[in-house]
Amino acid sequence: MVIAAVAILGFTPTTARAQIGPSHWDADERVVVTSFQRVTALARAPDRLFVATDGGLAVRSEAFGYWELPITREDGYPQSRITAMAWDRRDGTLWLATENARLIQMEPFNRRFLDEIRLNDRVTRIIPSADGSSDLLVQQRGRWFSLDPFSRQMSGSDIGAVDRAVAADFELRERRELLLSPRFDAARSFLATRGSKHYQITDVMPATQLGQFWISSYGGFLFLYDSFSGQTSPVDYGLVGRGGGAVLVEEGGIWFAPDEVVDRYSITWANPDLTEWRT
């Protein structure tokens, strides 16, 4: 399989020294690599973590501990910022809410976008209903509504429906318990830290290990939080900054330096399959 890391310049592991450009590859032979540091929402499937960022959707295999290929705007990822995201266990699809008041349904494993629903206001939370219907519970301006994705009809919903939906989903239950924890609340101001810089926490989601949580940030990507020790460790993925100022290909991987520094400066290394990253 040939994979191209595109950051202004394009390379494949086998032809990097020849500097063959992106026009030499078919669409299924290349992937766009950009900055994924600004995370706005998280969602969990049983074996995968979905990370919505300003640059695209990052997907981590929780079962095997590596990153899958990202889904970016070249694949149909929304131009508008993602404000909420939810995994729908009922049909195995992912729902994304955007800043410009759209609800978008996709099959992440097939990299297909299935549906788009236009609303009158942006959504800040999405929870699949647990009341035996196909409805989605969506939050707008602090109020909850029940949305039928087929008829597009919305009606007011009560907090009881939200509580039942959260109680029926292990990840959402664990997420709620963490957010209500006084210890987490007291520590959250310094948990998303790289060096001397603190980043705004945008979402949390349970990891596979008991007591561990993924913490997303706007500018510092992800952190793995251990609720027992209270410690966090940063996790790397994608470029740090916009564009590719320089690219170096060696036998074991590819080094990227950003063209434009945004949130922090660092050079990034990835293995040839783009499944492992570090800065």
C-alpha atoms as a PDB file:
ATOM      1  CA  MET A   1       0.000   0.000   0.000  1.00  0.00           C
ATOM      2  CA  VAL A   2       1.308   3.449  -0.892  1.00  0.00           C
ATOM      3  CA  ILE A   3       0.542   6.255   1.554  1.00  0.00           C
ATOM      4  CA  ALA A   4       1.308   9.886   0.879  1.00  0.00           C
ATOM      5  CA  ALA A   5       1.772  12.389   3.663  1.00  0.00           C
ATOM      6  CA  VAL A   6       0.681  15.694   2.186  1.00  0.00           C
ATOM      7  CA  ALA A   7       1.807  18.909   3.824  1.00  0.00           C
ATOM      8  CA  ILE A   8       2.425  21.155   0.815  1.00  0.00           C
ATOM      9  CA  LEU A   9       4.920  18.539  -0.411  1.00  0.00           C
ATOM     10  CA  GLY A  10       3.929  14.922  -1.057  1.00  0.00           C
ATOM     11  CA  PHE A  11       6.002  11.818  -0.411  1.00  0.00           C
ATOM     12  CA  THR A  12       5.647   8.043  -0.300  1.00  0.00           C
ATOM     13  CA  PRO A  13       8.022   5.921   1.802  1.00  0.00           C
ATOM     14  CA  THR A  14       9.313   4.108  -1.279  1.00  0.00           C
ATOM     15  CA  THR A  15       9.696   7.089  -3.627  1.00  0.00           C
ATOM     16  CA  ALA A  16      10.470   9.939  -1.262  1.00  0.00           C
ATOM     17  CA  ARG A  17      13.915  10.652  -2.606  1.00  0.00           C
ATOM     18  CA  ALA A  18      12.498  11.077  -6.093  1.00  0.00           C
ATOM     19  CA  GLN A  19      10.038  13.687  -4.747  1.00  0.00           C
ATOM     20  CA  ILE A  20       7.125  12.399  -6.811  1.00  0.00           C
ATOM     21  CA  GLY A  21       4.173  14.801  -6.538  1.00  0.00           C
ATOM     22  CA  PRO A  22       0.592  14.029  -5.462  1.00  0.00           C
ATOM     23  CA  SER A  23      -0.701  14.009  -9.051  1.00  0.00           C
ATOM     24  CA  HIS A  24       0.999  10.633  -9.551  1.00  0.00           C
ATOM     25  CA  TRP A  25      -1.356   8.898  -7.072  1.00  0.00           C
ATOM     26  CA  ASP A  26      -4.962   7.824  -7.165  1.00  0.00           C
ATOM     27  CA  ALA A  27      -7.382   9.064  -4.500  1.00  0.00           C
ATOM     28  CA  ASP A  28      -7.211   5.815  -2.519  1.00  0.00           C
ATOM     29  CA  GLU A  29      -3.396   5.896  -2.483  1.00  0.00           C
ATOM     30  CA  ARG A  30      -2.956   9.132  -0.573  1.00  0.00           C
ATOM     31  CA  VAL A  31      -4.016  10.808   2.646  1.00  0.00           C
ATOM     32  CA  VAL A  32      -3.861  14.446   3.687  1.00  0.00           C
ATOM     33  CA  VAL A  33      -1.896  15.106   6.852  1.00  0.00           C
ATOM     34  CA  THR A  34      -2.478  18.422   8.563  1.00  0.00           C
ATOM     35  CA  SER A  35      -2.694  19.897  12.065  1.00  0.00           C
ATOM     36  CA  PHE A  36      -5.162  18.113  14.335  1.00  0.00           C
ATOM     37  CA  GLN A  37      -4.135  19.958  17.497  1.00  0.00           C
ATOM     38  CA  ARG A  38      -7.389  21.896  17.978  1.00  0.00           C
ATOM     39  CA  VAL A  39      -9.863  19.288  19.224  1.00  0.00           C
ATOM     40  CA  THR A  40     -13.512  20.247  19.740  1.00  0.00           C
ATOM     41  CA  ALA A  41     -15.310  16.936  20.524  1.00  0.00           C
ATOM     42  CA  LEU A  42     -14.756  13.253  21.334  1.00  0.00           C
ATOM     43  CA  ALA A  43     -16.847  10.106  20.819  1.00  0.00           C
ATOM     44  CA  ARG A  44     -16.275   6.434  21.583  1.00  0.00           C
ATOM     45  CA  ALA A  45     -17.246   3.250  19.795  1.00  0.00           C
ATOM     46  CA  PRO A  46     -16.517  -0.042  21.568  1.00  0.00           C
ATOM     47  CA  ASP A  47     -13.066  -0.300  19.987  1.00  0.00           C
ATOM     48  CA  ARG A  48     -12.317   3.162  18.611  1.00  0.00           C
ATOM     49  CA  LEU A  49     -11.881   6.748  19.755  1.00  0.00           C
ATOM     50  CA  PHE A  50     -13.085   9.502  17.398  1.00  0.00           C
ATOM     51  CA  VAL A  51     -11.423  12.910  17.695  1.00  0.00           C
ATOM     52  CA  ALA A  52     -13.098  15.844  15.939  1.00  0.00           C
ATOM     53  CA  THR A  53     -10.637  18.636  15.195  1.00  0.00           C
ATOM     54  CA  ASP A  54     -10.521  21.798  13.115  1.00  0.00           C
ATOM     55  CA  GLY A  55      -8.388  19.903  10.585  1.00  0.00           C
ATOM     56  CA  GLY A  56     -10.324  16.649  10.327  1.00  0.00           C
ATOM     57  CA  LEU A  57     -11.440  13.523  12.142  1.00  0.00           C
ATOM     58  CA  ALA A  58      -8.695  11.508  13.827  1.00  0.00           C
ATOM     59  CA  VAL A  59      -9.496   7.851  14.566  1.00  0.00           C
ATOM     60  CA  ARG A  60      -7.620   5.734  17.114  1.00  0.00           C
ATOM     61  CA  SER A  61      -7.921   1.965  17.326  1.00  0.00           C
ATOM     62  CA  GLU A  62      -8.326   1.343  21.048  1.00  0.00           C
ATOM     63  CA  ALA A  63      -7.987  -2.401  20.565  1.00  0.00           C
ATOM     64  CA  PHE A  64      -4.521  -2.155  18.972  1.00  0.00           C
ATOM     65  CA  GLY A  65      -3.317   1.242  20.202  1.00  0.00           C
ATOM     66  CA  TYR A  66      -2.551   2.902  16.863  1.00  0.00           C
ATOM     67  CA  TRP A  67      -3.947   5.722  14.712  1.00  0.00           C
ATOM     68  CA  GLU A  68      -5.948   4.970  11.597  1.00  0.00           C
ATOM     69  CA  LEU A  69      -5.917   7.251   8.561  1.00  0.00           C
ATOM     70  CA  PRO A  70      -7.655  10.584   9.226  1.00  0.00           C
ATOM     71  CA  ILE A  71     -10.794  11.822   7.498  1.00  0.00           C
ATOM     72  CA  THR A  72     -10.187  15.370   6.257  1.00  0.00           C
ATOM     73  CA  ARG A  73     -11.963  17.951   4.116  1.00  0.00           C
ATOM     74  CA  GLU A  74     -10.698  16.208   0.994  1.00  0.00           C
ATOM     75  CA  ASP A  75     -12.809  13.231   2.135  1.00  0.00           C
ATOM     76  CA  GLY A  76     -15.898  15.361   2.812  1.00  0.00           C
ATOM     77  CA  TYR A  77     -15.220  16.422   6.416  1.00  0.00           C
ATOM     78  CA  PRO A  78     -17.256  19.584   7.198  1.00  0.00           C
ATOM     79  CA  GLN A  79     -15.733  22.995   6.634  1.00  0.00           C
ATOM     80  CA  SER A  80     -17.615  24.351   9.650  1.00  0.00           C
ATOM     81  CA  ARG A  81     -16.229  23.638  13.123  1.00  0.00           C
ATOM     82  CA  ILE A  82     -17.594  20.583  14.953  1.00  0.00           C
ATOM     83  CA  THR A  83     -19.501  21.540  18.112  1.00  0.00           C
ATOM     84  CA  ALA A  84     -20.632  18.061  19.258  1.00  0.00           C
ATOM     85  CA  MET A  85     -20.252  14.429  18.268  1.00  0.00           C
ATOM     86  CA  ALA A  86     -21.841  11.106  19.245  1.00  0.00           C
ATOM     87  CA  TRP A  87     -21.466   7.438  18.384  1.00  0.00           C
ATOM     88  CA  ASP A  88     -24.830   5.808  17.645  1.00  0.00           C
ATOM     89  CA  ARG A  89     -24.511   2.188  18.797  1.00  0.00           C
ATOM     90  CA  ARG A  90     -27.938   1.393  17.301  1.00  0.00           C
ATOM     91  CA  ASP A  91     -26.730   1.500  13.699  1.00  0.00           C
ATOM     92  CA  GLY A  92     -22.964   1.958  13.996  1.00  0.00           C
ATOM     93  CA  THR A  93     -22.804   5.525  12.679  1.00  0.00           C
ATOM     94  CA  LEU A  94     -21.255   8.742  13.889  1.00  0.00           C
ATOM     95  CA  TRP A  95     -23.173  12.010  14.253  1.00  0.00           C
ATOM     96  CA  LEU A  96     -21.394  15.370  13.984  1.00  0.00           C
ATOM     97  CA  ALA A  97     -22.920  18.763  14.788  1.00  0.00           C
ATOM     98  CA  THR A  98     -21.399  21.847  13.159  1.00  0.00           C
ATOM     99  CA  GLU A  99     -21.095  25.510  14.015  1.00  0.00           C
ATOM    100  CA  ASN A 100     -23.372  26.399  11.083  1.00  0.00           C
ATOM    101  CA  ALA A 101     -26.267  24.335  12.523  1.00  0.00           C
ATOM    102  CA  ARG A 102     -25.914  21.083  10.588  1.00  0.00           C
ATOM    103  CA  LEU A 103     -26.201  17.496  11.838  1.00  0.00           C
ATOM    104  CA  ILE A 104     -24.144  15.130   9.706  1.00  0.00           C
ATOM    105  CA  GLN A 105     -24.296  11.331   9.801  1.00  0.00           C
ATOM    106  CA  MET A 106     -21.366   9.240   8.619  1.00  0.00           C
ATOM    107  CA  GLU A 107     -20.049   5.694   8.501  1.00  0.00           C
ATOM    108  CA  PRO A 108     -16.477   6.236   9.714  1.00  0.00           C
ATOM    109  CA  PHE A 109     -15.235   2.734   8.876  1.00  0.00           C
ATOM    110  CA  ASN A 110     -16.304   3.104   5.244  1.00  0.00           C
ATOM    111  CA  ARG A 111     -15.388   6.808   5.265  1.00  0.00           C
ATOM    112  CA  ARG A 112     -18.850   7.669   3.875  1.00  0.00           C
ATOM    113  CA  PHE A 113     -21.082  10.625   4.701  1.00  0.00           C
ATOM    114  CA  LEU A 114     -24.706   9.491   4.701  1.00  0.00           C
ATOM    115  CA  ASP A 115     -27.009  12.344   5.655  1.00  0.00           C
ATOM    116  CA  GLU A 116     -27.161  16.031   6.529  1.00  0.00           C
ATOM    117  CA  ILE A 117     -29.913  17.700   8.550  1.00  0.00           C
ATOM    118  CA  ARG A 118     -30.244  21.484   8.622  1.00  0.00           C
ATOM    119  CA  LEU A 119     -31.401  22.982  11.904  1.00  0.00           C
ATOM    120  CA  ASN A 120     -32.299  26.468  13.086  1.00  0.00           C
ATOM    121  CA  ASP A 121     -29.556  26.661  15.723  1.00  0.00           C
ATOM    122  CA  ARG A 122     -26.268  24.968  16.514  1.00  0.00           C
ATOM    123  CA  VAL A 123     -26.161  21.822  18.655  1.00  0.00           C
ATOM    124  CA  THR A 124     -23.840  21.559  21.661  1.00  0.00           C
ATOM    125  CA  ARG A 125     -24.586  17.940  22.725  1.00  0.00           C
ATOM    126  CA  ILE A 126     -25.871  14.813  20.955  1.00  0.00           C
ATOM    127  CA  ILE A 127     -27.054  11.639  22.705  1.00  0.00           C
ATOM    128  CA  PRO A 128     -28.828   8.733  20.960  1.00  0.00           C
ATOM    129  CA  SER A 129     -32.167   8.063  22.640  1.00  0.00           C
ATOM    130  CA  ALA A 130     -32.623   4.954  24.796  1.00  0.00           C
ATOM    131  CA  ASP A 131     -36.431   4.984  24.629  1.00  0.00           C
ATOM    132  CA  GLY A 132     -36.804   2.490  21.789  1.00  0.00           C
ATOM    133  CA  SER A 133     -36.884   4.983  18.934  1.00  0.00           C
ATOM    134  CA  SER A 134     -34.405   6.206  16.345  1.00  0.00           C
ATOM    135  CA  ASP A 135     -34.493   9.717  17.820  1.00  0.00           C
ATOM    136  CA  LEU A 136     -31.473  11.777  18.747  1.00  0.00           C
ATOM    137  CA  LEU A 137     -31.463  13.941  21.864  1.00  0.00           C
ATOM    138  CA  VAL A 138     -29.855  17.256  20.946  1.00  0.00           C
ATOM    139  CA  GLN A 139     -29.075  20.267  23.101  1.00  0.00           C
ATOM    140  CA  GLN A 140     -29.484  23.816  21.825  1.00  0.00           C
ATOM    141  CA  ARG A 141     -28.948  26.880  24.023  1.00  0.00           C
ATOM    142  CA  GLY A 142     -29.182  24.747  27.157  1.00  0.00           C
ATOM    143  CA  ARG A 143     -32.501  23.107  26.197  1.00  0.00           C
ATOM    144  CA  TRP A 144     -32.958  19.471  25.163  1.00  0.00           C
ATOM    145  CA  PHE A 145     -34.951  18.373  22.121  1.00  0.00           C
ATOM    146  CA  SER A 146     -35.842  15.037  20.558  1.00  0.00           C
ATOM    147  CA  LEU A 147     -35.062  14.876  16.832  1.00  0.00           C
ATOM    148  CA  ASP A 148     -36.388  12.233  14.449  1.00  0.00           C
ATOM    149  CA  PRO A 149     -33.631  11.956  11.797  1.00  0.00           C
ATOM    150  CA  PHE A 150     -36.061  10.533   9.233  1.00  0.00           C
ATOM    151  CA  SER A 151     -38.924  13.042   9.445  1.00  0.00           C
ATOM    152  CA  ARG A 152     -36.632  15.894  10.612  1.00  0.00           C
ATOM    153  CA  GLN A 153     -39.234  16.759  13.250  1.00  0.00           C
ATOM    154  CA  MET A 154     -38.080  18.175  16.593  1.00  0.00           C
ATOM    155  CA  SER A 155     -39.983  18.302  19.864  1.00  0.00           C
ATOM    156  CA  GLY A 156     -39.107  19.322  23.390  1.00  0.00           C
ATOM    157  CA  SER A 157     -37.544  16.648  25.609  1.00  0.00           C
ATOM    158  CA  ASP A 158     -37.260  16.334  29.375  1.00  0.00           C
ATOM    159  CA  ILE A 159     -34.149  15.667  31.431  1.00  0.00           C
ATOM    160  CA  GLY A 160     -35.494  12.191  32.249  1.00  0.00           C
ATOM    161  CA  ALA A 161     -34.984  11.079  28.638  1.00  0.00           C
ATOM    162  CA  VAL A 162     -31.418  12.400  28.774  1.00  0.00           C
ATOM    163  CA  ASP A 163     -30.729  10.584  32.064  1.00  0.00           C
ATOM    164  CA  ARG A 164     -32.055   7.301  30.640  1.00  0.00           C
ATOM    165  CA  ALA A 165     -29.892   7.665  27.528  1.00  0.00           C
ATOM    166  CA  VAL A 166     -26.771   8.354  29.588  1.00  0.00           C
ATOM    167  CA  ALA A 167     -27.533   5.465  31.964  1.00  0.00           C
ATOM    168  CA  ALA A 168     -27.833   3.088  28.993  1.00  0.00           C
ATOM    169  CA  ASP A 169     -24.367   3.937  27.664  1.00  0.00           C
ATOM    170  CA  PHE A 170     -21.277   2.927  29.674  1.00  0.00           C
ATOM    171  CA  GLU A 171     -18.993   5.576  28.157  1.00  0.00           C
ATOM    172  CA  LEU A 172     -21.490   8.370  28.790  1.00  0.00           C
ATOM    173  CA  ARG A 173     -22.039   7.205  32.382  1.00  0.00           C
ATOM    174  CA  GLU A 174     -18.305   7.227  33.060  1.00  0.00           C
ATOM    175  CA  ARG A 175     -17.961  10.614  31.377  1.00  0.00           C
ATOM    176  CA  ARG A 176     -20.694  12.122  33.563  1.00  0.00           C
ATOM    177  CA  GLU A 177     -19.174  10.722  36.744  1.00  0.00           C
ATOM    178  CA  LEU A 178     -15.781  12.222  35.897  1.00  0.00           C
ATOM    179  CA  LEU A 179     -17.244  15.645  35.124  1.00  0.00           C
ATOM    180  CA  LEU A 180     -19.105  15.605  38.465  1.00  0.00           C
ATOM    181  CA  SER A 181     -15.983  14.587  40.393  1.00  0.00           C
ATOM    182  CA  PRO A 182     -14.719  17.364  42.740  1.00  0.00           C
ATOM    183  CA  ARG A 183     -11.162  16.073  42.318  1.00  0.00           C
ATOM    184  CA  PHE A 184     -11.312  16.406  38.534  1.00  0.00           C
ATOM    185  CA  ASP A 185     -12.927  19.830  38.793  1.00  0.00           C
ATOM    186  CA  ALA A 186     -10.162  21.048  41.104  1.00  0.00           C
ATOM    187  CA  ALA A 187      -7.422  19.728  38.821  1.00  0.00           C
ATOM    188  CA  ARG A 188      -8.789  20.565  35.383  1.00  0.00           C
ATOM    189  CA  SER A 189      -7.064  23.955  35.120  1.00  0.00           C
ATOM    190  CA  PHE A 190      -3.634  22.301  34.822  1.00  0.00           C
ATOM    191  CA  LEU A 191      -4.392  18.851  33.360  1.00  0.00           C
ATOM    192  CA  ALA A 192      -4.052  19.846  29.675  1.00  0.00           C
ATOM    193  CA  THR A 193      -0.456  21.085  29.867  1.00  0.00           C
ATOM    194  CA  ARG A 194       2.483  20.802  27.493  1.00  0.00           C
ATOM    195  CA  GLY A 195       5.624  22.346  28.929  1.00  0.00           C
ATOM    196  CA  SER A 196       4.604  25.668  30.458  1.00  0.00           C
ATOM    197  CA  LYS A 197       1.517  26.113  28.295  1.00  0.00           C
ATOM    198  CA  HIS A 198      -2.001  25.270  29.475  1.00  0.00           C
ATOM    199  CA  TYR A 199      -4.767  24.474  26.992  1.00  0.00           C
ATOM    200  CA  GLN A 200      -8.525  24.732  27.237  1.00  0.00           C
ATOM    201  CA  ILE A 201     -10.181  21.346  27.896  1.00  0.00           C
ATOM    202  CA  THR A 202     -12.918  20.733  25.321  1.00  0.00           C
ATOM    203  CA  ASP A 203     -14.168  17.207  26.091  1.00  0.00           C
ATOM    204  CA  VAL A 204     -13.506  14.000  28.038  1.00  0.00           C
ATOM    205  CA  MET A 205     -14.192  10.347  27.255  1.00  0.00           C
ATOM    206  CA  PRO A 206     -13.279   7.072  29.015  1.00  0.00           C
ATOM    207  CA  ALA A 207     -10.268   5.124  27.747  1.00  0.00           C
ATOM    208  CA  THR A 208     -10.047   1.324  27.725  1.00  0.00           C
ATOM    209  CA  GLN A 209      -8.130   1.011  31.005  1.00  0.00           C
ATOM    210  CA  LEU A 210     -10.090   1.318  34.251  1.00  0.00           C
ATOM    211  CA  GLY A 211      -9.804   4.814  35.698  1.00  0.00           C
ATOM    212  CA  GLN A 212      -8.208   6.325  32.576  1.00  0.00           C
ATOM    213  CA  PHE A 213      -9.803   9.038  30.451  1.00  0.00           C
ATOM    214  CA  TRP A 214      -9.026  10.848  27.228  1.00  0.00           C
ATOM    215  CA  ILE A 215      -8.959  14.620  27.665  1.00  0.00           C
ATOM    216  CA  SER A 216      -9.119  16.748  24.530  1.00  0.00           C
ATOM    217  CA  SER A 217      -7.818  20.292  24.303  1.00  0.00           C
ATOM    218  CA  TYR A 218      -7.974  23.213  21.918  1.00  0.00           C
ATOM    219  CA  GLY A 219      -4.380  23.527  20.764  1.00  0.00           C
ATOM    220  CA  GLY A 220      -2.647  20.678  22.601  1.00  0.00           C
ATOM    221  CA  PHE A 221      -4.491  17.707  21.049  1.00  0.00           C
ATOM    222  CA  LEU A 222      -5.068  14.836  23.547  1.00  0.00           C
ATOM    223  CA  PHE A 223      -3.993  13.889  27.050  1.00  0.00           C
ATOM    224  CA  LEU A 224      -4.429  10.553  28.809  1.00  0.00           C
ATOM    225  CA  TYR A 225      -5.636  11.174  32.368  1.00  0.00           C
ATOM    226  CA  ASP A 226      -5.295   8.646  35.202  1.00  0.00           C
ATOM    227  CA  SER A 227      -8.037   9.398  37.725  1.00  0.00           C
ATOM    228  CA  PHE A 228      -6.299   7.317  40.410  1.00  0.00           C
ATOM    229  CA  SER A 229      -2.950   9.131  40.330  1.00  0.00           C
ATOM    230  CA  GLY A 230      -4.286  12.444  38.993  1.00  0.00           C
ATOM    231  CA  GLN A 231      -1.528  12.510  36.362  1.00  0.00           C
ATOM    232  CA  THR A 232      -1.821  13.189  32.617  1.00  0.00           C
ATOM    233  CA  SER A 233       0.456  12.313  29.707  1.00  0.00           C
ATOM    234  CA  PRO A 234       0.280  14.078  26.322  1.00  0.00           C
ATOM    235  CA  VAL A 235      -0.549  12.099  23.179  1.00  0.00           C
ATOM    236  CA  ASP A 236       0.696  13.155  19.733  1.00  0.00           C
ATOM    237  CA  TYR A 237      -0.879  12.982  16.307  1.00  0.00           C
ATOM    238  CA  GLY A 238      -0.519  14.926  13.060  1.00  0.00           C
ATOM    239  CA  LEU A 239       1.380  18.090  12.281  1.00  0.00           C
ATOM    240  CA  VAL A 240       1.978  20.837  14.817  1.00  0.00           C
ATOM    241  CA  GLY A 241       1.173  23.994  12.860  1.00  0.00           C
ATOM    242  CA  ARG A 242      -0.114  24.742   9.364  1.00  0.00           C
ATOM    243  CA  GLY A 243       1.489  23.412   6.204  1.00  0.00           C
ATOM    244  CA  GLY A 244       4.806  21.654   5.763  1.00  0.00           C
ATOM    245  CA  GLY A 245       7.824  23.889   5.998  1.00  0.00           C
ATOM    246  CA  ALA A 246      10.194  20.951   5.682  1.00  0.00           C
ATOM    247  CA  VAL A 247       9.929  17.186   5.311  1.00  0.00           C
ATOM    248  CA  LEU A 248      12.662  14.628   5.891  1.00  0.00           C
ATOM    249  CA  VAL A 249      12.170  10.983   4.937  1.00  0.00           C
ATOM    250  CA  GLU A 250      14.380   8.340   6.494  1.00  0.00           C
ATOM    251  CA  GLU A 251      14.285   4.565   6.625  1.00  0.00           C
ATOM    252  CA  GLY A 252      12.102   4.313   9.729  1.00  0.00           C
ATOM    253  CA  GLY A 253       9.734   7.218   9.245  1.00  0.00           C
ATOM    254  CA  ILE A 254       9.030  10.794   8.190  1.00  0.00           C
ATOM    255  CA  TRP A 255       9.859  14.066   9.979  1.00  0.00           C
ATOM    256  CA  PHE A 256       7.656  17.141   9.494  1.00  0.00           C
ATOM    257  CA  ALA A 257       8.332  20.764  10.425  1.00  0.00           C
ATOM    258  CA  PRO A 258       5.404  23.222  10.219  1.00  0.00           C
ATOM    259  CA  ASP A 259       5.359  26.113   7.792  1.00  0.00           C
ATOM    260  CA  GLU A 260       3.284  28.303  10.145  1.00  0.00           C
ATOM    261  CA  VAL A 261       3.375  27.968  13.938  1.00  0.00           C
ATOM    262  CA  VAL A 262      -0.091  28.246  15.505  1.00  0.00           C
ATOM    263  CA  ASP A 263      -0.437  26.896  19.053  1.00  0.00           C
ATOM    264  CA  ARG A 264       3.080  25.623  19.729  1.00  0.00           C
ATOM    265  CA  TYR A 265       6.223  24.819  17.780  1.00  0.00           C
ATOM    266  CA  SER A 266       7.535  21.298  17.400  1.00  0.00           C
ATOM    267  CA  ILE A 267       8.782  18.957  14.724  1.00  0.00           C
ATOM    268  CA  THR A 268       6.787  15.753  14.279  1.00  0.00           C
ATOM    269  CA  TRP A 269       7.785  12.177  13.456  1.00  0.00           C
ATOM    270  CA  ALA A 270       5.508   9.487  11.987  1.00  0.00           C
ATOM    271  CA  ASN A 271       6.164   5.918  10.929  1.00  0.00           C
ATOM    272  CA  PRO A 272       5.598   5.096   7.207  1.00  0.00           C
ATOM    273  CA  ASP A 273       2.045   3.814   7.813  1.00  0.00           C
ATOM    274  CA  LEU A 274       1.147   6.983   9.795  1.00  0.00           C
ATOM    275  CA  THR A 275      -0.113   4.837  12.688  1.00  0.00           C
ATOM    276  CA  GLU A 276       2.404   6.120  15.260  1.00  0.00           C
ATOM    277  CA  TRP A 277       3.310   9.772  15.936  1.00  0.00           C
ATOM    278  CA  ARG A 278       5.531  11.722  18.309  1.00  0.00           C
ATOM    279  CA  THR A 279       6.785  15.287  18.684  1.00  0.00           C
END
